């Protein structure tokens, strides 16, 4: 059957990510589940062909392919991580927040718990991102500047006295399982046969978000931190040589 003649609920059942695409095109899937894609586009004044192209584009994305970061310089790795932070904070989390807000608390017993716990998770998560960018990423930028002798010596000494990559790595370990509370209240994102499609999409999105966080943490732990440690040692060597010359 042509995709435009299929019901929204059937499209979401086929691929839950379609719900995300439709949301950002102005279509809340839970409000139009019984309508066909063409009917909703007409109601919303959307170009049917463009909507179909957006759905087909996301359907063809292979999320298993990861960008090889090991050989990239440390500043590009940080830019990549900042970009993922932006996508988390500006795109993915607001979408899930909206889905949870619209859950029916009468027909979905889990709704109230999610509506209490998820905003707390989002607040803590965003705070962690800001702290990481304002302290750790800024410290790495300072080390980068020092490597090429583009920083004031006093500023460098103060920064290295206050921070260390090892300390950042130890503190980072405490944030590696931020979604434990959500796993607990959802029973590891288990979806019962009687669950609504709305709730099913939320649970699948939470699972997917946790996988993205795991990839993000691996990049930091296995790529960024080792590179940052080497950079820090290199800068300490430069400082040591400078001290011998004085």
Protein backbone atom coordinates (compact mmCIF):
# COMPACT_ATOMS: atom_id res chain seq x y z
CA UNK A 1 0.00 0.00 0.00
CA UNK A 2 1.25 3.49 -0.83
CA UNK A 3 2.63 5.17 2.30
CA UNK A 4 0.30 8.17 1.98
CA UNK A 5 -2.73 5.89 2.32
CA UNK A 6 -1.48 4.15 5.44
CA UNK A 7 -2.75 5.09 8.88
CA UNK A 8 -0.42 6.98 11.21
CA UNK A 9 -0.71 4.22 13.82
CA UNK A 10 0.46 1.61 11.29
CA UNK A 11 3.44 3.72 10.26
CA UNK A 12 4.52 4.18 13.88
CA UNK A 13 4.08 0.45 14.52
CA UNK A 14 6.44 -0.21 11.61
CA UNK A 15 9.08 2.25 12.79
CA UNK A 16 8.72 4.22 16.03
CA UNK A 17 11.26 6.79 14.80
CA UNK A 18 8.60 8.01 12.34
CA UNK A 19 6.86 9.50 15.38
CA UNK A 20 9.87 11.75 15.98
CA UNK A 21 9.90 12.92 12.36
CA UNK A 22 6.18 13.62 12.34
CA UNK A 23 6.43 15.50 15.64
CA UNK A 24 8.94 17.97 14.21
CA UNK A 25 6.74 18.38 11.14
CA UNK A 26 3.88 19.43 13.42
CA UNK A 27 2.03 16.09 13.59
CA UNK A 28 1.46 14.60 17.05
CA UNK A 29 0.97 10.95 16.14
CA UNK A 30 -1.18 10.19 19.21
CA UNK A 31 -3.76 12.76 18.08
CA UNK A 32 -4.10 11.43 14.50
CA UNK A 33 -3.52 7.69 14.90
CA UNK A 34 -6.67 6.73 13.00
CA UNK A 35 -6.02 9.06 10.06
CA UNK A 36 -3.99 8.28 6.98
CA UNK A 37 -0.80 10.21 6.35
CA UNK A 38 -2.43 11.96 3.40
CA UNK A 39 -5.44 13.02 5.48
CA UNK A 40 -3.23 14.52 8.19
CA UNK A 41 -1.09 16.37 5.66
CA UNK A 42 -4.20 17.91 4.13
CA UNK A 43 -5.49 18.93 7.58
CA UNK A 44 -2.13 20.46 8.50
CA UNK A 45 -1.48 22.07 5.13
CA UNK A 46 1.74 20.08 4.68
CA UNK A 47 3.31 19.06 1.40
CA UNK A 48 2.67 15.31 1.24
CA UNK A 49 5.71 14.59 -0.94
CA UNK A 50 8.08 16.42 1.44
CA UNK A 51 6.65 14.57 4.44
CA UNK A 52 7.10 11.24 2.68
CA UNK A 53 10.69 12.15 1.77
CA UNK A 54 11.41 12.99 5.43
CA UNK A 55 10.04 9.63 6.57
CA UNK A 56 11.94 7.73 3.90
CA UNK A 57 15.16 9.54 4.79
CA UNK A 58 15.04 8.56 8.45
CA UNK A 59 14.01 5.03 7.51
CA UNK A 60 17.23 4.62 5.58
CA UNK A 61 19.58 5.77 8.33
CA UNK A 62 21.84 3.09 9.79
CA UNK A 63 22.32 4.12 13.40
CA UNK A 64 24.91 1.37 13.97
CA UNK A 65 27.54 3.20 11.90
CA UNK A 66 29.64 5.33 14.19
CA UNK A 67 32.02 8.04 13.12
CA UNK A 68 35.65 6.84 13.59
CA UNK A 69 37.02 9.31 16.14
CA UNK A 70 40.25 7.65 17.31
CA UNK A 71 42.42 9.40 14.73
CA UNK A 72 40.79 12.83 14.99
CA UNK A 73 42.52 15.65 16.89
CA UNK A 74 41.16 16.33 20.34
CA UNK A 75 39.53 19.65 19.42
CA UNK A 76 37.41 17.98 16.72
CA UNK A 77 36.36 15.24 19.14
CA UNK A 78 35.16 17.92 21.55
CA UNK A 79 33.22 19.65 18.77
CA UNK A 80 31.58 16.33 17.93
CA UNK A 81 30.61 15.80 21.58
CA UNK A 82 29.27 19.36 21.83
CA UNK A 83 27.14 18.72 18.77
CA UNK A 84 25.65 15.59 20.34
CA UNK A 85 25.00 17.61 23.52
CA UNK A 86 23.09 20.12 21.39
CA UNK A 87 21.00 17.38 19.76
CA UNK A 88 20.21 15.86 23.16
CA UNK A 89 19.19 19.15 24.79
CA UNK A 90 17.48 20.91 21.88
CA UNK A 91 15.91 18.04 19.97
CA UNK A 92 15.64 14.66 21.65
CA UNK A 93 14.85 15.55 25.27
CA UNK A 94 12.16 18.18 24.50
CA UNK A 95 10.47 15.62 22.27
CA UNK A 96 10.37 12.94 24.99
CA UNK A 97 9.31 15.50 27.59
CA UNK A 98 6.35 16.45 25.38
CA UNK A 99 5.37 12.83 24.83
CA UNK A 100 5.41 12.16 28.57
CA UNK A 101 3.44 15.33 29.36
CA UNK A 102 0.68 14.17 27.01
CA UNK A 103 0.38 10.67 28.49
CA UNK A 104 -3.08 9.95 29.89
CA UNK A 105 -2.63 9.40 33.63
CA UNK A 106 -6.01 7.62 33.87
CA UNK A 107 -5.35 4.90 31.29
CA UNK A 108 -1.57 4.71 31.86
CA UNK A 109 -0.59 4.01 35.49
CA UNK A 110 3.07 4.64 34.69
CA UNK A 111 2.33 8.15 33.39
CA UNK A 112 2.40 9.93 36.75
CA UNK A 113 5.75 8.42 37.75
CA UNK A 114 7.28 9.37 34.40
CA UNK A 115 5.88 12.89 34.62
CA UNK A 116 7.61 13.32 38.00
CA UNK A 117 10.90 11.50 37.41
CA UNK A 118 11.76 12.43 33.81
CA UNK A 119 11.86 16.23 34.31
CA UNK A 120 14.22 15.66 37.27
CA UNK A 121 16.43 13.49 35.07
CA UNK A 122 16.45 16.16 32.34
CA UNK A 123 17.39 18.89 34.84
CA UNK A 124 20.30 16.84 36.24
CA UNK A 125 21.43 15.78 32.77
CA UNK A 126 21.50 19.32 31.39
CA UNK A 127 23.36 20.48 34.50
CA UNK A 128 25.97 17.76 33.91
CA UNK A 129 26.39 18.81 30.27
CA UNK A 130 26.88 22.48 31.18
CA UNK A 131 29.37 21.57 33.89
CA UNK A 132 31.34 19.36 31.50
CA UNK A 133 31.50 22.01 28.79
CA UNK A 134 32.30 24.86 31.19
CA UNK A 135 35.04 23.02 33.10
CA UNK A 136 36.52 19.94 31.41
CA UNK A 137 36.21 21.07 27.78
CA UNK A 138 37.49 24.54 28.74
CA UNK A 139 40.45 22.96 30.56
CA UNK A 140 41.34 20.94 27.46
CA UNK A 141 41.17 24.13 25.39
CA UNK A 142 43.61 25.72 27.85
CA UNK A 143 46.00 22.78 27.44
CA UNK A 144 45.70 23.05 23.67
CA UNK A 145 46.60 26.72 23.82
CA UNK A 146 49.55 25.94 26.11
CA UNK A 147 50.86 23.31 23.70
CA UNK A 148 51.22 26.00 21.05
CA UNK A 149 52.37 28.65 23.57
CA UNK A 150 49.24 30.75 23.16
CA UNK A 151 48.36 31.15 26.82
CA UNK A 152 49.54 33.23 29.75
CA UNK A 153 51.83 31.17 32.03
CA UNK A 154 50.04 32.34 35.15
CA UNK A 155 46.66 31.33 33.72
CA UNK A 156 48.08 27.93 32.80
CA UNK A 157 49.57 27.29 36.25
CA UNK A 158 46.31 28.29 37.92
CA UNK A 159 44.28 26.05 35.61
CA UNK A 160 46.53 23.02 36.14
CA UNK A 161 46.59 23.58 39.88
CA UNK A 162 42.78 23.65 40.00
CA UNK A 163 42.04 20.84 37.52
CA UNK A 164 43.41 17.54 36.30
CA UNK A 165 42.21 15.09 33.63
CA UNK A 166 42.35 12.23 36.14
CA UNK A 167 40.02 14.07 38.52
CA UNK A 168 37.59 14.80 35.69
CA UNK A 169 37.67 11.11 34.69
CA UNK A 170 36.89 9.98 38.24
CA UNK A 171 33.99 12.41 38.53
CA UNK A 172 32.73 11.37 35.11
CA UNK A 173 32.35 7.76 36.30
CA UNK A 174 29.65 8.87 38.76
CA UNK A 175 27.47 10.06 35.83
CA UNK A 176 27.80 6.94 33.69
CA UNK A 177 24.47 5.45 34.78
CA UNK A 178 22.21 8.48 34.87
CA UNK A 179 19.16 6.55 33.66
CA UNK A 180 19.07 4.00 36.47
CA UNK A 181 16.02 5.63 38.05
CA UNK A 182 14.10 5.55 34.77
CA UNK A 183 14.98 1.90 34.23
CA UNK A 184 13.70 1.11 37.70
CA UNK A 185 10.27 2.72 37.36
CA UNK A 186 9.77 1.29 33.86
CA UNK A 187 11.02 -2.20 34.75
CA UNK A 188 13.87 -1.88 32.21
CA UNK A 189 11.54 -0.24 29.68
CA UNK A 190 9.30 -3.30 29.60
CA UNK A 191 6.19 -2.86 27.47
CA UNK A 192 3.11 -4.91 28.30
CA UNK A 193 0.81 -6.17 25.52
CA UNK A 194 -1.92 -3.82 26.73
CA UNK A 195 0.30 -0.71 26.62
CA UNK A 196 -0.80 2.08 24.31
CA UNK A 197 1.24 2.95 21.25
CA UNK A 198 1.93 6.31 22.88
CA UNK A 199 3.62 4.63 25.87
CA UNK A 200 5.39 2.13 23.64
CA UNK A 201 7.01 4.94 21.65
CA UNK A 202 8.16 6.61 24.89
CA UNK A 203 9.76 3.41 26.18
CA UNK A 204 11.49 2.77 22.86
CA UNK A 205 12.77 6.36 22.83
CA UNK A 206 14.13 5.96 26.38
CA UNK A 207 15.90 2.75 25.37
CA UNK A 208 17.38 4.44 22.31
CA UNK A 209 18.47 7.46 24.33
CA UNK A 210 20.26 5.23 26.83
CA UNK A 211 22.12 3.52 23.97
CA UNK A 212 23.14 6.94 22.65
CA UNK A 213 24.40 7.91 26.10
CA UNK A 214 26.41 4.68 26.30
CA UNK A 215 28.07 5.46 22.96
CA UNK A 216 28.70 9.02 24.13
CA UNK A 217 30.29 7.78 27.36
CA UNK A 218 32.49 5.29 25.46
CA UNK A 219 33.80 8.07 23.23
CA UNK A 220 34.67 10.12 26.28
CA UNK A 221 36.17 7.24 28.27
CA UNK A 222 38.01 5.44 25.48
CA UNK A 223 38.97 8.30 23.15
CA UNK A 224 38.72 11.74 24.78
CA UNK A 225 40.19 11.01 28.22
CA UNK A 226 43.27 9.10 26.91
CA UNK A 227 43.99 11.91 24.44
CA UNK A 228 43.47 14.53 27.16
CA UNK A 229 45.86 12.69 29.51
CA UNK A 230 48.55 12.60 26.82
CA UNK A 231 48.02 16.30 26.11
CA UNK A 232 48.24 17.14 29.81
CA UNK A 233 51.49 15.15 30.18
CA UNK A 234 52.89 16.92 27.13
CA UNK A 235 52.08 20.35 28.59
CA UNK A 236 53.61 19.36 31.94
CA UNK A 237 56.77 18.40 30.03
CA UNK A 238 56.82 21.79 28.33
CA UNK A 239 56.44 23.51 31.70
CA UNK A 240 59.22 21.39 33.19
CA UNK A 241 61.58 22.29 30.36
CA UNK A 242 60.72 25.97 30.71
CA UNK A 243 61.43 25.83 34.45
CA UNK A 244 64.90 24.35 33.84
CA UNK A 245 65.75 27.19 31.49
CA UNK A 246 64.85 29.85 34.06
